[in-house]
Amino acid sequence: MRKKYEPFLSKFRITQQILLVFFVCTVIPMFLLGFWGTRRAAFRIQQLLSGKLFTQKMGQSFNSYLDQVRLSEAEKLLNTTSMKVYEIAEKVGYKNVDYFHQKFRRQYGKSPAEYRKKQR
């Protein structure tokens, strides 16, 4: 199957590394934030990409990247919606609201509610 796509890849000088970065930066967030697929699919993607290759190409672990994507989306939702914090936590993939608060505070230095107040 790989040989089937080699002419395309060589024609556009697309390497596997570039495809991996594209996949990680565009497709995975869609899966993880619920735009596509299921959590099971996201978990399987995590299993595939959580190794050394991901860390080498992205400069951070998959879990760190996942937190970054989720917290960035949460920040946008806090700034643009009136959703409750627990709804935002659930929407971006955190089942445990306390854990979401902990991660958010570590990243932004304040709780989600405090962050929202300061932004408005």
Protein backbone atom coordinates (compact mmCIF):
# COMPACT_ATOMS: atom_id res chain seq x y z
CA MET A 1 0.00 0.00 0.00
CA ARG A 2 2.88 2.36 0.73
CA LYS A 3 4.23 2.04 -2.80
CA LYS A 4 0.84 3.09 -4.13
CA TYR A 5 1.27 6.57 -2.64
CA GLU A 6 4.99 7.06 -3.23
CA PRO A 7 4.54 8.92 -6.57
CA PHE A 8 2.15 11.34 -4.90
CA LEU A 9 4.43 11.89 -1.93
CA SER A 10 7.54 12.37 -4.04
CA LYS A 11 5.77 14.67 -6.48
CA PHE A 12 4.82 17.05 -3.69
CA ARG A 13 7.92 16.38 -1.60
CA ILE A 14 5.78 15.27 1.29
CA THR A 15 7.60 13.18 3.83
CA GLN A 16 6.18 10.91 6.45
CA GLN A 17 7.27 13.40 9.09
CA ILE A 18 5.27 16.20 7.47
CA LEU A 19 2.25 13.93 7.22
CA LEU A 20 2.62 12.98 10.85
CA VAL A 21 2.77 16.61 11.95
CA PHE A 22 -0.25 17.46 9.78
CA PHE A 23 -2.16 14.51 11.18
CA VAL A 24 -1.28 15.40 14.74
CA CYS A 25 -2.09 19.10 14.37
CA THR A 26 -5.37 18.81 12.47
CA VAL A 27 -6.98 15.40 12.54
CA ILE A 28 -6.25 14.32 16.11
CA PRO A 29 -7.80 17.43 17.72
CA MET A 30 -10.98 16.76 15.76
CA PHE A 31 -11.12 13.23 17.14
CA LEU A 32 -10.24 14.26 20.65
CA LEU A 33 -12.67 17.13 20.83
CA GLY A 34 -15.53 15.01 19.57
CA PHE A 35 -15.93 16.33 16.03
CA TRP A 36 -15.28 12.85 14.65
CA GLY A 37 -15.28 9.30 15.86
CA THR A 38 -15.41 8.01 19.36
CA ARG A 39 -13.25 8.13 22.42
CA ARG A 40 -12.16 4.60 21.61
CA ALA A 41 -10.78 5.83 18.28
CA ALA A 42 -8.93 8.64 20.05
CA PHE A 43 -7.51 6.17 22.54
CA ARG A 44 -6.24 3.94 19.75
CA ILE A 45 -4.62 6.91 18.03
CA GLN A 46 -2.98 7.79 21.32
CA GLN A 47 -1.62 4.27 21.62
CA LEU A 48 -0.14 4.48 18.14
CA LEU A 49 1.44 7.89 18.53
CA SER A 50 2.47 7.96 22.16
CA GLY A 51 5.91 6.53 21.52
CA LYS A 52 9.25 8.05 20.78
CA LEU A 53 8.35 9.09 17.22
CA PHE A 54 5.66 11.46 18.44
CA THR A 55 7.94 12.95 21.07
CA GLN A 56 10.80 13.34 18.57
CA LYS A 57 8.69 15.03 15.92
CA MET A 58 6.50 17.19 18.15
CA GLY A 59 8.92 17.97 20.97
CA GLN A 60 6.49 16.88 23.65
CA SER A 61 4.68 13.76 24.78
CA PHE A 62 1.29 12.89 23.37
CA ASN A 63 -0.37 13.48 26.74
CA SER A 64 1.14 16.96 26.98
CA TYR A 65 -0.05 17.73 23.47
CA LEU A 66 -3.51 16.41 24.30
CA ASP A 67 -3.72 18.63 27.39
CA GLN A 68 -2.57 21.61 25.33
CA VAL A 69 -5.28 21.02 22.70
CA ARG A 70 -7.99 20.52 25.29
CA LEU A 71 -7.03 23.53 27.40
CA SER A 72 -6.73 25.77 24.35
CA GLU A 73 -10.23 24.79 23.28
CA ALA A 74 -11.49 25.33 26.84
CA GLU A 75 -9.94 28.80 26.85
CA LYS A 76 -11.79 29.66 23.62
CA LEU A 77 -15.06 28.38 25.03
CA LEU A 78 -14.61 30.37 28.25
CA ASN A 79 -14.06 33.54 26.20
CA THR A 80 -16.81 33.05 23.64
CA THR A 81 -19.65 31.20 25.34
CA SER A 82 -21.66 31.32 28.52
CA MET A 83 -21.36 27.57 29.05
CA LYS A 84 -20.82 26.45 32.61
CA VAL A 85 -17.32 25.31 33.52
CA TYR A 86 -18.35 21.69 34.01
CA GLU A 87 -19.96 21.72 30.55
CA ILE A 88 -16.76 23.06 29.00
CA ALA A 89 -14.69 20.45 30.85
CA GLU A 90 -16.89 17.69 29.49
CA LYS A 91 -16.96 19.14 25.98
CA VAL A 92 -13.16 19.22 25.71
CA GLY A 93 -12.79 15.70 27.06
CA TYR A 94 -12.35 15.92 30.83
CA LYS A 95 -14.80 13.69 32.69
CA ASN A 96 -13.52 14.81 36.09
CA VAL A 97 -14.17 18.53 36.62
CA ASP A 98 -11.74 18.73 39.53
CA TYR A 99 -8.98 17.35 37.32
CA PHE A 100 -9.90 19.90 34.64
CA HIS A 101 -9.65 22.71 37.24
CA GLN A 102 -6.24 21.41 38.33
CA LYS A 103 -4.90 21.26 34.75
CA PHE A 104 -6.38 24.66 33.85
CA ARG A 105 -4.94 26.34 36.96
CA ARG A 106 -1.52 24.84 36.26
CA GLN A 107 -1.59 26.14 32.66
CA TYR A 108 -3.15 29.60 33.17
CA GLY A 109 -2.42 30.38 36.82
CA LYS A 110 -6.08 30.76 37.79
CA SER A 111 -9.25 28.73 37.89
CA PRO A 112 -11.51 28.68 34.81
CA ALA A 113 -14.05 30.91 36.58
CA GLU A 114 -11.37 33.44 37.58
CA TYR A 115 -9.98 33.35 34.05
CA ARG A 116 -13.42 34.08 32.58
CA LYS A 117 -13.99 36.99 34.98
CA LYS A 118 -10.65 38.63 34.12
CA GLN A 119 -11.30 38.27 30.37
CA ARG A 120 -14.64 40.05 30.45
